[in-house]
Amino acid sequence: MVKISAEIKGIDALMRKANMMAVSASSGLERALNRSAQQVVNDAKRKAPVDSGLLRASLHITPAQKIGDDIVAKAGTNLEYAPYVEFGTGFRGSVSNENPRVKSFAPNWSGQFAQPFLWPALYQNQEKIQQNITCLLY
């Protein structure tokens, strides 16, 4: 009968290095997502309509953070009226969007045209976002 045995030396060091690589990749992804979110905000600020300037000034990012298995960065605003600007309020009480969570009309309001600024900024930056993330792989 043939007997084979093997000894692996340095497995602890290898595991530490693998963990460090995972942390490094995670922080690299966070940087890429933060950079991407900032690009979206910068373009949204250029596209946002200006009345008082409050909407543009309120656009910001929420830095990337790990949520479950995902790493998420957010671009947006916390102004209550921002969705009405982005999606409109409808004409003479008619609905101007399909999102039931966004109030889109009022019977006594003549309505406001949608003036999208955030969605177009995200759409315009799709390729840049992909490039920011892809650069991590090479």
Protein backbone atom coordinates (compact mmCIF):
# COMPACT_ATOMS: atom_id res chain seq x y z
CA MET A 1 0.00 0.00 0.00
CA VAL A 2 1.29 3.48 -0.96
CA LYS A 3 1.12 6.17 1.66
CA ILE A 4 1.08 9.85 0.57
CA SER A 5 1.20 12.80 2.91
CA ALA A 6 1.54 16.53 2.37
CA GLU A 7 2.29 19.45 4.60
CA ILE A 8 1.23 22.97 3.71
CA LYS A 9 3.34 25.68 5.28
CA GLY A 10 2.33 29.30 5.43
CA ILE A 11 -1.42 28.75 5.07
CA ASP A 12 -2.10 31.35 7.78
CA ALA A 13 -0.06 33.97 5.92
CA LEU A 14 -1.83 33.08 2.67
CA MET A 15 -5.24 33.51 4.33
CA ARG A 16 -4.21 36.90 5.75
CA LYS A 17 -3.09 38.03 2.29
CA ALA A 18 -6.35 36.82 0.71
CA ASN A 19 -8.34 38.75 3.33
CA MET A 20 -6.26 41.87 2.72
CA MET A 21 -6.90 41.56 -1.01
CA ALA A 22 -10.65 41.35 -0.36
CA VAL A 23 -10.54 44.47 1.83
CA SER A 24 -8.45 46.28 -0.78
CA ALA A 25 -10.88 45.33 -3.57
CA SER A 26 -13.80 46.46 -1.42
CA SER A 27 -12.22 49.84 -0.67
CA GLY A 28 -11.32 50.22 -4.37
CA LEU A 29 -14.92 49.55 -5.31
CA GLU A 30 -16.10 52.07 -2.71
CA ARG A 31 -13.79 54.70 -4.22
CA ALA A 32 -15.03 53.89 -7.73
CA LEU A 33 -18.68 54.11 -6.64
CA ASN A 34 -18.10 57.38 -4.78
CA ARG A 35 -16.37 58.84 -7.84
CA SER A 36 -19.27 57.65 -10.03
CA ALA A 37 -21.92 59.08 -7.70
CA GLN A 38 -20.08 62.41 -7.64
CA GLN A 39 -20.02 62.48 -11.46
CA VAL A 40 -23.79 61.94 -11.47
CA VAL A 41 -24.31 64.73 -8.92
CA ASN A 42 -22.09 67.12 -10.87
CA ASP A 43 -24.08 66.54 -14.06
CA ALA A 44 -27.42 66.68 -12.21
CA LYS A 45 -26.42 70.09 -10.81
CA ARG A 46 -25.81 71.34 -14.35
CA LYS A 47 -29.17 69.96 -15.51
CA ALA A 48 -31.34 70.96 -12.54
CA PRO A 49 -33.60 73.94 -13.14
CA VAL A 50 -32.83 77.01 -11.08
CA ASP A 51 -35.35 79.10 -9.22
CA SER A 52 -33.78 79.77 -5.83
CA GLY A 53 -30.77 77.48 -6.36
CA LEU A 54 -31.81 75.33 -3.39
CA LEU A 55 -32.36 72.22 -5.51
CA ARG A 56 -28.89 72.36 -7.05
CA ALA A 57 -27.29 73.09 -3.69
CA SER A 58 -29.07 70.13 -2.09
CA LEU A 59 -27.74 67.52 -4.52
CA HIS A 60 -25.19 65.32 -2.75
CA ILE A 61 -23.81 61.82 -2.48
CA THR A 62 -24.15 59.36 0.34
CA PRO A 63 -20.72 57.68 0.45
CA ALA A 64 -20.46 54.02 -0.46
CA GLN A 65 -21.18 51.57 2.30
CA LYS A 66 -21.64 47.84 2.56
CA ILE A 67 -25.29 46.83 2.81
CA GLY A 68 -25.59 43.07 3.07
CA ASP A 69 -23.54 41.65 0.19
CA ASP A 70 -23.75 44.89 -1.79
CA ILE A 71 -21.72 48.07 -1.74
CA VAL A 72 -23.98 51.06 -2.41
CA ALA A 73 -23.32 54.75 -3.07
CA LYS A 74 -26.24 57.13 -3.57
CA ALA A 75 -26.68 60.37 -5.46
CA GLY A 76 -29.70 62.53 -4.78
CA THR A 77 -31.43 65.18 -2.72
CA ASN A 78 -33.64 65.18 0.34
CA LEU A 79 -35.81 68.11 -0.79
CA GLU A 80 -39.49 67.22 -0.56
CA TYR A 81 -40.35 68.93 -3.85
CA ALA A 82 -37.51 67.37 -5.90
CA PRO A 83 -39.66 64.46 -7.23
CA TYR A 84 -42.26 66.97 -8.47
CA VAL A 85 -39.55 68.77 -10.43
CA GLU A 86 -38.04 65.52 -11.76
CA PHE A 87 -41.34 63.82 -12.69
CA GLY A 88 -43.77 66.73 -13.07
CA THR A 89 -47.14 67.13 -11.42
CA GLY A 90 -49.44 66.44 -14.35
CA PHE A 91 -51.75 68.68 -16.36
CA ARG A 92 -55.16 69.61 -15.04
CA GLY A 93 -55.11 66.70 -12.63
CA SER A 94 -53.83 64.09 -15.08
CA VAL A 95 -51.09 61.71 -14.04
CA SER A 96 -47.68 62.44 -15.60
CA ASN A 97 -45.82 59.38 -14.38
CA GLU A 98 -46.44 55.74 -13.51
CA ASN A 99 -44.85 55.70 -10.06
CA PRO A 100 -47.67 55.33 -7.49
CA ARG A 101 -45.37 56.44 -4.63
CA VAL A 102 -44.92 59.89 -6.18
CA LYS A 103 -47.84 62.29 -5.95
CA SER A 104 -48.24 63.35 -9.54
CA PHE A 105 -51.32 65.55 -9.59
CA ALA A 106 -53.60 67.77 -7.61
CA PRO A 107 -57.15 68.54 -8.83
CA ASN A 108 -56.84 72.29 -8.24
CA TRP A 109 -53.37 72.66 -9.75
CA SER A 110 -52.77 73.37 -13.40
CA GLY A 111 -49.72 71.15 -13.37
CA GLN A 112 -46.01 71.40 -13.93
CA PHE A 113 -44.01 69.85 -16.73
CA ALA A 114 -41.41 67.32 -15.68
CA GLN A 115 -37.90 68.80 -15.64
CA PRO A 116 -35.73 65.70 -15.26
CA PHE A 117 -32.24 66.29 -13.96
CA LEU A 118 -31.17 63.28 -11.86
CA TRP A 119 -32.27 60.43 -14.12
CA PRO A 120 -30.65 61.99 -17.23
CA ALA A 121 -27.42 62.53 -15.26
CA LEU A 122 -27.37 58.87 -14.23
CA TYR A 123 -28.17 57.74 -17.78
CA GLN A 124 -25.51 60.03 -19.26
CA ASN A 125 -22.86 58.57 -16.91
CA GLN A 126 -23.59 54.86 -17.42
CA GLU A 127 -20.44 54.25 -19.45
CA LYS A 128 -18.25 56.26 -17.05
CA ILE A 129 -19.63 54.27 -14.11
CA GLN A 130 -18.87 51.00 -15.88
CA GLN A 131 -15.36 52.25 -16.70
CA ASN A 132 -14.75 53.29 -13.08
CA ILE A 133 -15.66 49.81 -11.90
CA THR A 134 -13.97 47.94 -14.76
CA CYS A 135 -10.67 49.72 -14.06
CA LEU A 136 -10.57 47.79 -10.77
CA LEU A 137 -10.34 44.51 -12.67
CA TYR A 138 -7.31 45.42 -14.76
